[in-house]
Amino acid sequence: MPIKKKRISPRQKMINLMYVVLMAMLALNVSSDVLNGFSLVADGLKKSAENASKVNKGIYNTFDQQMKDNPAKVKEWYDKAQYVRSMSDSLYNLAEELKVTIVRKSDGKDADVNNIHNREDLEASTQVMLAPGTGRGEELYKAINRYRDRIVQMVTDKEKKEIIISNLDTEVPAQAKVLGKNWQEYAFENMPTAAAVTLLTKLQNDVRYAEGEVLHNLISNVDVKDIRVNQLNAYVIPNTQTVVQGGRFSAQIIMAAVDTTRRPTIYIGGKQIQSDKGYYETICSKTGDFTFSGYIEMLNGSGETVRRDFSQKYSVVAPSATVSADIMNVLYAGYDNPMSISVPGIPNSKLRVSMTGGTFEQKGEGKYNARPTTPGGEAVVTVSAENEGRMQEMGKFTFRIRKLPDPTAYIAYAGEAGDENRFKGGSLSKQVLMATEGIGAAIDDGLLNIVFRVNSFETVFYDAMGNAIPYKSNGANFSDQQKSLMRGLARNKRFYISQIHATGPDGIERTLDGAMEIIIK
């Protein structure tokens, strides 16, 4: 059923109306001390903005002078500075125009921004900034965002960039109870004229600060550095300090900081070198340690000649290479022998390696596999390097080729830690023995770890009369008959595994010498 509304008495209506009027009066009662405080803050911000403008103007004047003296060098940074000036003045002037408009709304057409009469007026800023159709709050909001996004891209210092973003922030504070108001409503709705003018003056101050930070960053890229530098040194930058005999020694000689529009003069051994970019080259025909020296001259910003001496040591070495077999000083036929190859002073990407008597394959940075084919012969590894656009032989290395040694047979089982153990003879529990499938073979002497494939083997058991009875395996695995006989062995009984045939990675099948004795414990 519908709910009936309770009727309000005339007396209650009067009370409600008086409450509304009281709240309105409280809202209008802005303290004169507060308004005076706004005026003091606005004056301080205005002076700060004026001081920043003077500093920025000085930098613009420096740019103008530098542009006249060296346009080829300065033009890029000069154009960027003018772009910053145009952006900054545009937003600064918009804020000034809004200040004048708001004050005129409060005091009339003869109003003075620096001497506001109706400072407590709550309507002027609301009408100028938020009036439907004519309010300029959104225009200011977009102008601030556009300026902030462009200006921070030209600031390299992370902390200063964060300060500028914070100063020009147009987000409504999360903790503010604004009931869905946007930034312009939050900033200007029912705001006293004095407060609105102060807010816009702060914006002007923030604009000049951001402008100054960008200008200081731009001016550091041109010859204004000559005013700030207090130490100049000559530097020699060699391509390498170790040169292969027959190669070239190359070095760049500069004075810090280098100026691409004004090259220094360089003298080595009393003679001026002819190089626009300060490059020096000499043929290195002898091995040993050498030093070349000279001096560099350059005009500073005042037109005075600055001279700095320099010297540089370098070494010339005979062609050489380092080749080491990762396993031992021989190569095994039919097996991928890992090798490491390097040449001092030359990157691995410029090496070319070949081998006689087999194949040679690169497996990574400086890593190779050598696979000789025939045991008993020799393999010759030749190392060449690309040096100054040509291939130069760095050395030849001869290795003996051997057949892979015979492996050792074993029974693999899992240890307590879960790792693989290899039993090669002696006492073994029947439980472990019965859990195994067969035998394996490998070269695992601590240096090599090469697995072989077991093709077949025999087990030899002894009957009650002491007669040896051999049984053949099922490939690398125990046969069912062998398993049955092992299961019937008592403690301290033994049997033997012999006639083991295994094939290695070289493809050669061999019969292993000796026999593996297994004692049941």
Protein backbone atom coordinates (compact mmCIF):
# COMPACT_ATOMS: atom_id res chain seq x y z
CA MET A 1 0.00 0.00 0.00
CA PRO A 2 1.26 3.57 -0.68
CA ILE A 3 3.06 5.37 2.13
CA LYS A 4 1.39 8.54 3.30
CA LYS A 5 3.68 11.56 3.65
CA LYS A 6 3.56 13.28 7.01
CA ARG A 7 2.35 16.87 6.70
CA ILE A 8 4.77 19.59 7.86
CA SER A 9 3.26 22.25 10.11
CA PRO A 10 3.66 25.95 9.25
CA ARG A 11 5.86 26.34 12.36
CA GLN A 12 8.23 23.56 11.17
CA LYS A 13 8.42 25.10 7.69
CA MET A 14 9.49 28.41 9.28
CA ILE A 15 12.20 26.67 11.33
CA ASN A 16 13.55 24.91 8.22
CA LEU A 17 13.65 28.18 6.28
CA MET A 18 15.52 29.96 9.08
CA TYR A 19 18.11 27.10 9.13
CA VAL A 20 18.73 27.51 5.40
CA VAL A 21 19.17 31.26 5.79
CA LEU A 22 21.60 30.73 8.71
CA MET A 23 23.76 28.33 6.68
CA ALA A 24 23.86 30.81 3.80
CA MET A 25 24.93 33.58 6.17
CA LEU A 26 27.68 31.38 7.61
CA ALA A 27 28.91 30.57 4.10
CA LEU A 28 29.07 34.27 3.27
CA ASN A 29 30.91 35.19 6.45
CA VAL A 30 34.54 35.02 5.12
CA SER A 31 37.02 36.43 7.62
CA SER A 32 38.85 39.59 6.55
CA ASP A 33 42.06 38.10 8.05
CA VAL A 34 41.78 35.15 5.68
CA LEU A 35 41.28 37.47 2.70
CA ASN A 36 44.31 39.52 3.78
CA GLY A 37 46.29 36.28 3.92
CA PHE A 38 45.33 35.49 0.32
CA SER A 39 46.58 38.90 -0.74
CA LEU A 40 49.94 38.39 1.01
CA VAL A 41 50.40 34.98 -0.62
CA ALA A 42 49.48 36.37 -4.05
CA ASP A 43 52.03 39.17 -3.64
CA GLY A 44 54.76 36.67 -2.73
CA LEU A 45 53.93 34.42 -5.67
CA LYS A 46 53.90 37.38 -8.01
CA LYS A 47 57.38 38.48 -6.93
CA SER A 48 58.67 34.91 -7.28
CA ALA A 49 57.24 34.68 -10.81
CA GLU A 50 58.80 38.04 -11.72
CA ASN A 51 62.23 36.91 -10.47
CA ALA A 52 61.95 33.67 -12.44
CA SER A 53 60.98 35.67 -15.52
CA LYS A 54 64.14 37.78 -15.15
CA VAL A 55 66.34 34.68 -14.91
CA ASN A 56 64.64 33.12 -17.92
CA LYS A 57 65.02 36.33 -19.89
CA GLY A 58 68.76 36.25 -19.20
CA ILE A 59 68.98 32.75 -20.68
CA TYR A 60 66.99 33.84 -23.74
CA ASN A 61 69.46 36.73 -24.19
CA THR A 62 72.34 34.25 -23.98
CA PHE A 63 70.69 32.13 -26.65
CA ASP A 64 70.32 35.20 -28.87
CA GLN A 65 74.04 36.02 -28.52
CA GLN A 66 75.11 32.42 -29.09
CA MET A 67 72.90 32.25 -32.17
CA LYS A 68 74.74 35.24 -33.64
CA ASP A 69 78.18 33.81 -32.83
CA ASN A 70 77.65 30.19 -33.91
CA PRO A 71 74.29 29.57 -35.65
CA ALA A 72 75.31 26.14 -37.03
CA LYS A 73 75.78 24.81 -33.54
CA VAL A 74 73.11 26.69 -31.60
CA LYS A 75 70.15 26.69 -33.99
CA GLU A 76 68.66 23.35 -32.86
CA TRP A 77 68.61 24.40 -29.19
CA TYR A 78 67.65 28.00 -30.00
CA ASP A 79 64.54 26.83 -31.86
CA LYS A 80 63.55 24.61 -28.93
CA ALA A 81 63.99 27.54 -26.52
CA GLN A 82 61.70 29.73 -28.64
CA TYR A 83 59.11 26.93 -28.64
CA VAL A 84 59.28 26.80 -24.83
CA ARG A 85 58.91 30.59 -24.64
CA SER A 86 55.81 30.53 -26.86
CA MET A 87 54.14 27.76 -24.85
CA SER A 88 54.95 29.33 -21.48
CA ASP A 89 53.84 32.85 -22.45
CA SER A 90 50.58 31.50 -23.84
CA LEU A 91 49.55 29.84 -20.56
CA TYR A 92 50.95 32.67 -18.43
CA ASN A 93 48.98 35.28 -20.38
CA LEU A 94 45.79 33.18 -20.23
CA ALA A 95 46.06 33.11 -16.41
CA GLU A 96 46.64 36.88 -16.36
CA GLU A 97 43.62 37.48 -18.60
CA LEU A 98 41.39 35.37 -16.31
CA LYS A 99 42.62 37.27 -13.24
CA VAL A 100 41.67 40.59 -14.82
CA THR A 101 38.26 39.25 -15.92
CA ILE A 102 37.41 37.92 -12.43
CA VAL A 103 38.46 41.14 -10.67
CA ARG A 104 36.46 43.26 -13.11
CA LYS A 105 33.47 41.07 -12.40
CA SER A 106 33.88 41.92 -8.71
CA ASP A 107 34.95 45.60 -8.84
CA GLY A 108 33.75 46.84 -12.24
CA LYS A 109 35.54 47.83 -15.44
CA ASP A 110 38.07 50.08 -13.65
CA ALA A 111 39.19 47.24 -11.36
CA ASP A 112 42.86 46.74 -10.43
CA VAL A 113 44.18 43.20 -9.97
CA ASN A 114 46.78 44.50 -7.51
CA ASN A 115 44.17 46.34 -5.41
CA ILE A 116 40.95 44.31 -5.15
CA HIS A 117 38.06 45.94 -3.26
CA ASN A 118 35.47 43.15 -3.18
CA ARG A 119 37.91 40.42 -2.22
CA GLU A 120 35.18 38.37 -0.52
CA ASP A 121 32.96 38.20 -3.64
CA LEU A 122 31.93 34.56 -4.14
CA GLU A 123 30.13 35.02 -7.46
CA ALA A 124 32.77 36.51 -9.75
CA SER A 125 35.04 33.47 -10.12
CA THR A 126 32.04 31.15 -10.44
CA GLN A 127 30.49 33.21 -13.26
CA VAL A 128 33.75 33.75 -15.17
CA MET A 129 34.99 30.18 -14.93
CA LEU A 130 31.83 28.06 -14.69
CA ALA A 131 28.93 29.93 -16.34
CA PRO A 132 27.08 27.60 -18.79
CA GLY A 133 28.23 28.25 -22.35
CA THR A 134 30.64 31.08 -21.49
CA GLY A 135 32.65 29.72 -18.55
CA ARG A 136 36.38 29.48 -19.23
CA GLY A 137 37.27 26.86 -16.63
CA GLU A 138 37.46 24.02 -19.15
CA GLU A 139 39.65 26.17 -21.43
CA LEU A 140 42.12 26.68 -18.58
CA TYR A 141 41.96 23.00 -17.61
CA LYS A 142 42.87 21.85 -21.13
CA ALA A 143 45.60 24.52 -21.49
CA ILE A 144 47.31 23.37 -18.27
CA ASN A 145 47.21 19.71 -19.30
CA ARG A 146 48.53 20.47 -22.77
CA TYR A 147 51.38 22.58 -21.41
CA ARG A 148 52.33 20.06 -18.71
CA ASP A 149 52.42 17.11 -21.13
CA ARG A 150 54.67 18.98 -23.57
CA ILE A 151 57.02 20.61 -21.10
CA VAL A 152 57.88 17.48 -19.06
CA GLN A 153 59.11 15.76 -22.24
CA MET A 154 61.89 18.34 -22.39
CA VAL A 155 63.09 17.83 -18.79
CA THR A 156 65.70 15.09 -18.22
CA ASP A 157 66.03 15.22 -14.42
CA LYS A 158 63.54 12.75 -12.89
CA GLU A 159 63.01 14.69 -9.62
CA LYS A 160 62.45 18.01 -11.39
CA LYS A 161 60.06 16.33 -13.80
CA GLU A 162 58.02 15.03 -10.85
CA ILE A 163 57.94 18.53 -9.28
CA ILE A 164 56.58 20.06 -12.49
CA ILE A 165 53.94 17.35 -12.83
CA SER A 166 52.88 17.92 -9.21
CA ASN A 167 52.77 21.73 -9.60
CA LEU A 168 50.63 21.54 -12.72
CA ASP A 169 48.39 18.70 -11.54
CA THR A 170 44.71 19.02 -12.52
CA GLU A 171 43.40 15.99 -10.65
CA VAL A 172 40.87 16.55 -7.89
CA PRO A 173 42.43 15.33 -4.60
CA ALA A 174 41.11 11.89 -3.65
CA GLN A 175 40.53 12.95 -0.05
CA ALA A 176 38.49 16.01 -1.05
CA LYS A 177 34.72 15.67 -0.56
CA VAL A 178 33.63 17.28 -3.82
CA LEU A 179 30.53 15.26 -4.61
CA GLY A 180 31.53 14.52 -8.21
CA LYS A 181 32.89 17.98 -9.08
CA ASN A 182 35.48 18.30 -11.83
CA TRP A 183 38.75 20.22 -11.39
CA GLN A 184 37.46 23.62 -12.49
CA GLU A 185 34.40 23.36 -10.22
CA TYR A 186 36.58 22.20 -7.32
CA ALA A 187 38.98 25.14 -7.88
CA PHE A 188 36.63 28.05 -8.62
CA GLU A 189 33.05 27.34 -7.51
CA ASN A 190 32.04 29.80 -4.75
CA MET A 191 35.69 30.81 -4.41
CA PRO A 192 36.34 34.36 -3.10
CA THR A 193 37.86 36.65 -5.69
CA ALA A 194 41.06 37.02 -3.65
CA ALA A 195 41.51 33.22 -3.51
CA ALA A 196 40.82 32.76 -7.23
CA VAL A 197 43.41 35.42 -8.13
CA THR A 198 45.94 33.76 -5.79
CA LEU A 199 45.35 30.39 -7.43
CA LEU A 200 45.96 31.86 -10.90
CA THR A 201 49.08 33.69 -9.67
CA LYS A 202 50.43 30.40 -8.35
CA LEU A 203 49.84 28.89 -11.79
CA GLN A 204 51.87 31.70 -13.37
CA ASN A 205 54.70 31.06 -10.91
CA ASP A 206 54.64 27.32 -11.71
CA VAL A 207 54.79 28.08 -15.43
CA ARG A 208 57.91 30.24 -15.02
CA TYR A 209 59.57 27.54 -12.88
CA ALA A 210 58.92 24.84 -15.48
CA GLU A 211 60.09 27.16 -18.25
CA GLY A 212 63.34 27.83 -16.37
CA GLU A 213 64.11 24.15 -15.82
CA VAL A 214 63.78 23.41 -19.53
CA LEU A 215 65.90 26.42 -20.48
CA HIS A 216 68.73 25.36 -18.17
CA ASN A 217 68.61 21.91 -19.72
CA LEU A 218 68.75 23.33 -23.27
CA ILE A 219 71.52 25.82 -22.58
CA SER A 220 73.75 23.03 -21.25
CA ASN A 221 73.89 21.59 -24.78
CA VAL A 222 75.63 24.56 -26.40
CA ASP A 223 78.91 26.39 -26.01
CA VAL A 224 77.67 28.23 -22.91
CA LYS A 225 79.49 25.30 -21.19
CA ASP A 226 82.73 27.15 -21.91
CA ILE A 227 81.72 29.58 -19.15
CA ARG A 228 81.25 26.79 -16.62
CA VAL A 229 84.18 24.47 -17.44
CA ASN A 230 87.13 24.89 -15.09
CA GLN A 231 89.38 22.10 -16.38
CA LEU A 232 90.31 21.03 -19.89
CA ASN A 233 92.28 17.86 -20.69
CA ALA A 234 93.48 16.11 -23.80
CA TYR A 235 92.35 12.52 -24.31
CA VAL A 236 93.58 9.75 -26.60
CA ILE A 237 90.99 7.11 -27.42
CA PRO A 238 92.62 4.12 -29.14
CA ASN A 239 90.58 1.48 -30.92
CA THR A 240 92.77 -1.05 -29.14
CA GLN A 241 95.98 -0.97 -27.12
CA THR A 242 97.15 -4.33 -28.49
CA VAL A 243 97.91 -4.59 -32.20
CA VAL A 244 98.79 -7.70 -34.19
CA GLN A 245 102.02 -7.39 -36.16
CA GLY A 246 101.23 -6.12 -39.63
CA GLY A 247 98.02 -4.48 -38.42
CA ARG A 248 97.24 -0.80 -37.79
CA PHE A 249 97.09 1.18 -34.58
CA SER A 250 94.18 3.66 -34.61
CA ALA A 251 93.31 6.28 -32.00
CA GLN A 252 91.06 9.34 -31.68
CA ILE A 253 92.60 12.40 -30.01
CA ILE A 254 90.18 14.94 -28.55
CA MET A 255 89.98 17.73 -26.01
CA ALA A 256 87.08 17.40 -23.60
CA ALA A 257 84.55 18.56 -24.52
CA VAL A 258 84.78 18.16 -28.26
CA ASP A 259 83.11 20.76 -30.50
CA THR A 260 81.94 19.48 -33.88
CA THR A 261 81.92 23.04 -35.31
CA ARG A 262 85.39 24.01 -34.07
CA ARG A 263 88.10 21.37 -34.45
CA PRO A 264 91.34 21.46 -32.43
CA THR A 265 94.83 21.34 -33.96
CA ILE A 266 96.84 18.20 -33.10
CA TYR A 267 100.62 17.79 -33.22
CA ILE A 268 102.48 14.47 -32.92
CA GLY A 269 106.26 14.42 -33.04
CA GLY A 270 106.23 18.14 -33.86
CA LYS A 271 104.11 17.63 -36.97
CA GLN A 272 100.46 18.58 -37.37
CA ILE A 273 98.22 15.65 -38.29
CA GLN A 274 95.71 16.19 -41.07
CA SER A 275 92.43 14.83 -39.73
CA ASP A 276 89.12 16.64 -39.39
CA LYS A 277 87.96 14.26 -36.65
CA GLY A 278 91.23 13.80 -34.77
CA TYR A 279 92.06 10.29 -36.03
CA TYR A 280 95.70 9.11 -36.03
CA GLU A 281 97.04 5.96 -37.69
CA THR A 282 100.47 4.37 -38.04
CA ILE A 283 101.68 1.03 -39.44
CA CYS A 284 102.90 -1.35 -36.71
CA SER A 285 105.77 -3.33 -38.26
CA LYS A 286 107.57 -4.36 -35.05
CA THR A 287 106.48 -6.08 -31.88
CA GLY A 288 106.95 -4.54 -28.44
CA ASP A 289 105.66 -1.69 -26.24
CA PHE A 290 105.49 1.81 -27.72
CA THR A 291 104.45 5.34 -26.73
CA PHE A 292 103.42 8.20 -28.95
CA SER A 293 103.01 11.76 -27.62
CA GLY A 294 102.22 15.28 -28.73
CA TYR A 295 99.98 18.21 -27.88
CA ILE A 296 96.61 19.64 -28.83
CA GLU A 297 95.63 23.28 -29.27
CA MET A 298 92.18 24.86 -29.30
CA LEU A 299 90.60 28.30 -28.93
CA ASN A 300 88.40 28.80 -25.85
CA GLY A 301 85.31 31.01 -25.63
CA SER A 302 87.46 34.11 -25.10
CA GLY A 303 89.53 33.49 -28.22
CA GLU A 304 92.63 32.40 -26.28
CA THR A 305 94.72 29.38 -27.35
CA VAL A 306 94.59 26.49 -24.90
CA ARG A 307 97.30 23.79 -25.17
CA ARG A 308 97.32 20.37 -23.53
CA ASP A 309 100.01 17.68 -23.84
CA PHE A 310 99.17 14.00 -24.19
CA SER A 311 100.85 10.60 -24.42
CA GLN A 312 99.55 7.09 -25.08
CA LYS A 313 101.09 3.64 -24.64
CA TYR A 314 100.25 0.67 -26.85
CA SER A 315 101.57 -2.83 -27.49
CA VAL A 316 102.24 -4.69 -30.72
CA VAL A 317 102.14 -8.49 -30.48
CA ALA A 318 102.98 -11.24 -32.93
CA PRO A 319 100.09 -13.18 -34.49
CA SER A 320 98.94 -15.76 -31.97
CA ALA A 321 95.98 -17.82 -30.94
CA THR A 322 94.99 -19.88 -27.95
CA VAL A 323 93.60 -23.37 -28.60
CA SER A 324 92.92 -25.74 -25.73
CA ALA A 325 91.26 -29.15 -25.69
CA ASP A 326 88.69 -29.14 -22.94
CA ILE A 327 89.28 -32.85 -22.15
CA MET A 328 93.04 -33.50 -22.62
CA ASN A 329 95.84 -32.84 -25.09
CA VAL A 330 94.60 -35.46 -27.58
CA LEU A 331 91.55 -35.86 -29.77
CA TYR A 332 89.45 -39.03 -29.87
CA ALA A 333 88.35 -40.43 -33.21
CA GLY A 334 84.61 -40.62 -33.87
CA TYR A 335 83.83 -38.48 -30.84
CA ASP A 336 82.82 -34.80 -30.46
CA ASN A 337 85.83 -33.41 -28.59
CA PRO A 338 84.89 -30.03 -27.02
CA MET A 339 87.45 -27.24 -27.58
CA SER A 340 87.84 -23.56 -26.65
CA ILE A 341 89.55 -21.18 -29.11
CA SER A 342 90.34 -17.47 -28.73
CA VAL A 343 92.76 -14.85 -30.05
CA PRO A 344 93.86 -12.01 -27.72
CA GLY A 345 92.44 -8.67 -28.81
CA ILE A 346 90.11 -10.12 -31.49
CA PRO A 347 86.42 -10.90 -30.90
CA ASN A 348 85.33 -14.49 -31.41
CA SER A 349 82.89 -13.40 -34.12
CA LYS A 350 85.86 -12.57 -36.38
CA LEU A 351 87.58 -15.97 -36.04
CA ARG A 352 87.58 -18.68 -38.73
CA VAL A 353 88.60 -22.18 -37.61
CA SER A 354 89.15 -25.32 -39.70
CA MET A 355 90.61 -28.83 -39.12
CA THR A 356 92.18 -31.57 -41.25
CA GLY A 357 91.39 -35.22 -40.67
CA GLY A 358 87.83 -34.70 -39.53
CA THR A 359 85.03 -32.20 -39.06
CA PHE A 360 84.95 -29.02 -36.97
CA GLU A 361 81.71 -27.40 -35.73
CA GLN A 362 81.13 -24.20 -33.73
CA LYS A 363 78.82 -24.70 -30.73
CA GLY A 364 78.83 -21.25 -29.16
CA GLU A 365 80.95 -18.19 -28.32
CA GLY A 366 84.51 -19.51 -28.60
CA LYS A 367 83.31 -23.13 -28.20
CA TYR A 368 83.79 -25.85 -30.85
CA ASN A 369 83.47 -29.63 -31.37
CA ALA A 370 86.32 -31.43 -33.15
CA ARG A 371 85.48 -34.89 -34.54
CA PRO A 372 88.48 -36.68 -36.08
CA THR A 373 87.80 -39.74 -38.22
CA THR A 374 90.84 -42.04 -38.16
CA PRO A 375 92.78 -42.98 -35.00
CA GLY A 376 96.58 -43.09 -35.12
CA GLY A 377 97.00 -40.00 -37.27
CA GLU A 378 97.10 -36.25 -36.59
CA ALA A 379 94.55 -33.45 -36.81
CA VAL A 380 95.71 -29.91 -37.65
CA VAL A 381 93.53 -27.02 -36.38
CA THR A 382 94.06 -23.74 -38.26
CA VAL A 383 92.88 -20.46 -36.72
CA SER A 384 92.45 -17.30 -38.84
CA ALA A 385 91.04 -13.89 -37.92
CA GLU A 386 89.53 -11.01 -39.83
CA ASN A 387 91.91 -8.08 -39.28
CA GLU A 388 91.37 -4.71 -40.99
CA GLY A 389 89.14 -6.23 -43.65
CA ARG A 390 91.38 -9.18 -44.52
CA MET A 391 91.85 -12.71 -43.17
CA GLN A 392 95.11 -13.30 -41.34
CA GLU A 393 96.34 -16.71 -40.15
CA MET A 394 96.91 -16.65 -36.40
CA GLY A 395 98.34 -20.14 -35.91
CA LYS A 396 98.21 -23.89 -36.58
CA PHE A 397 97.91 -26.55 -33.86
CA THR A 398 98.54 -30.29 -34.25
CA PHE A 399 96.74 -32.93 -32.15
CA ARG A 400 97.28 -36.70 -32.01
CA ILE A 401 94.20 -38.78 -32.79
CA ARG A 402 93.48 -41.74 -30.53
CA LYS A 403 90.84 -44.41 -30.34
CA LEU A 404 88.43 -44.03 -27.45
CA PRO A 405 89.59 -46.18 -24.51
CA ASP A 406 87.48 -49.13 -23.41
CA PRO A 407 84.69 -48.33 -20.97
CA THR A 408 84.05 -49.93 -17.58
CA ALA A 409 80.95 -52.02 -17.00
CA TYR A 410 78.67 -51.18 -14.08
CA ILE A 411 75.29 -51.87 -12.52
CA ALA A 412 73.35 -48.63 -11.98
CA TYR A 413 71.10 -48.21 -8.94
CA ALA A 414 69.54 -45.29 -7.04
CA GLY A 415 71.33 -44.07 -3.92
CA GLU A 416 69.73 -42.81 -0.72
CA ALA A 417 69.73 -39.23 -2.03
CA GLY A 418 68.07 -40.32 -5.26
CA ASP A 419 71.22 -39.93 -7.35
CA GLU A 420 72.62 -42.68 -9.58
CA ASN A 421 75.30 -44.96 -8.13
CA ARG A 422 77.47 -47.22 -10.30
CA PHE A 423 78.43 -50.61 -8.83
CA LYS A 424 81.57 -52.02 -10.52
CA GLY A 425 82.20 -55.18 -8.48
CA GLY A 426 82.22 -56.50 -4.91
CA SER A 427 79.41 -57.00 -2.40
CA LEU A 428 75.89 -56.00 -3.36
CA SER A 429 72.59 -56.64 -1.58
CA LYS A 430 70.15 -58.96 -3.30
CA GLN A 431 67.40 -56.33 -2.94
CA VAL A 432 69.40 -53.77 -4.92
CA LEU A 433 70.47 -56.42 -7.45
CA MET A 434 66.94 -57.62 -8.12
CA ALA A 435 65.72 -54.02 -8.62
CA THR A 436 68.11 -53.47 -11.53
CA GLU A 437 67.28 -54.21 -15.16
CA GLY A 438 70.76 -54.91 -16.49
CA ILE A 439 74.21 -53.37 -16.88
CA GLY A 440 75.74 -50.32 -18.49
CA ALA A 441 79.19 -49.24 -19.63
CA ALA A 442 80.93 -45.86 -19.72
CA ILE A 443 84.24 -44.07 -19.57
CA ASP A 444 83.86 -42.14 -16.30
CA ASP A 445 87.38 -41.61 -15.00
CA GLY A 446 86.63 -38.14 -13.63
CA LEU A 447 87.79 -36.45 -16.82
CA LEU A 448 85.73 -38.21 -19.46
CA ASN A 449 82.09 -39.18 -19.12
CA ILE A 450 81.26 -41.08 -22.28
CA VAL A 451 78.40 -43.58 -22.29
CA PHE A 452 78.61 -46.79 -24.38
CA ARG A 453 75.77 -49.03 -25.55
CA VAL A 454 75.92 -52.57 -24.14
CA ASN A 455 75.01 -55.11 -26.85
CA SER A 456 75.31 -58.36 -24.86
CA PHE A 457 77.02 -60.07 -21.91
CA GLU A 458 77.21 -63.41 -20.08
CA THR A 459 76.66 -64.33 -16.45
CA VAL A 460 78.56 -67.29 -14.98
CA PHE A 461 76.98 -69.20 -12.07
CA TYR A 462 78.43 -72.27 -10.27
CA ASP A 463 76.34 -75.34 -9.49
CA ALA A 464 76.65 -77.59 -6.42
CA MET A 465 79.47 -79.52 -8.08
CA GLY A 466 81.46 -76.36 -8.78
CA ASN A 467 80.77 -76.42 -12.49
CA ALA A 468 80.65 -72.99 -14.25
CA ILE A 469 77.39 -72.48 -16.12
CA PRO A 470 77.24 -69.41 -18.50
CA TYR A 471 73.95 -67.73 -19.48
CA LYS A 472 73.55 -65.06 -22.17
CA SER A 473 71.76 -61.75 -21.59
CA ASN A 474 68.88 -60.16 -23.40
CA GLY A 475 70.90 -57.24 -24.87
CA ALA A 476 71.87 -54.88 -22.03
CA ASN A 477 69.23 -56.40 -19.71
CA PHE A 478 69.28 -59.53 -17.60
CA SER A 479 67.33 -62.43 -19.12
CA ASP A 480 64.54 -64.10 -17.18
CA GLN A 481 66.76 -67.13 -16.57
CA GLN A 482 69.57 -64.94 -15.23
CA LYS A 483 67.09 -63.16 -12.94
CA SER A 484 65.80 -66.52 -11.65
CA LEU A 485 69.31 -67.76 -10.83
CA MET A 486 70.23 -64.50 -9.06
CA ARG A 487 67.05 -64.74 -6.99
CA GLY A 488 68.10 -68.22 -5.79
CA LEU A 489 71.56 -67.19 -4.59
CA ALA A 490 72.20 -67.37 -0.85
CA ARG A 491 74.21 -64.86 1.16
CA ASN A 492 77.94 -64.76 0.38
CA LYS A 493 77.35 -66.61 -2.90
CA ARG A 494 78.83 -65.05 -5.99
CA PHE A 495 78.56 -64.96 -9.75
CA TYR A 496 80.39 -63.18 -12.56
CA ILE A 497 79.52 -60.97 -15.53
CA SER A 498 81.90 -61.34 -18.49
CA GLN A 499 82.08 -61.31 -22.29
CA ILE A 500 80.63 -57.78 -22.32
CA HIS A 501 80.21 -56.40 -25.86
CA ALA A 502 79.70 -52.59 -26.07
CA THR A 503 79.64 -49.95 -28.83
CA GLY A 504 80.86 -46.37 -28.26
CA PRO A 505 79.92 -43.07 -29.97
CA ASP A 506 82.64 -43.82 -32.53
CA GLY A 507 80.56 -46.79 -33.76
CA ILE A 508 83.23 -49.39 -32.90
CA GLU A 509 82.11 -52.50 -31.01
CA ARG A 510 84.57 -53.90 -28.50
CA THR A 511 84.71 -56.80 -26.00
CA LEU A 512 85.66 -55.62 -22.53
CA ASP A 513 88.49 -57.35 -20.72
CA GLY A 514 88.01 -59.00 -17.34
CA ALA A 515 84.86 -59.88 -15.47
CA MET A 516 82.70 -58.18 -12.83
CA GLU A 517 82.45 -60.23 -9.60
CA ILE A 518 79.22 -59.86 -7.62
CA ILE A 519 78.97 -61.22 -4.03
CA ILE A 520 75.49 -61.40 -2.48
CA LYS A 521 75.41 -59.85 0.98
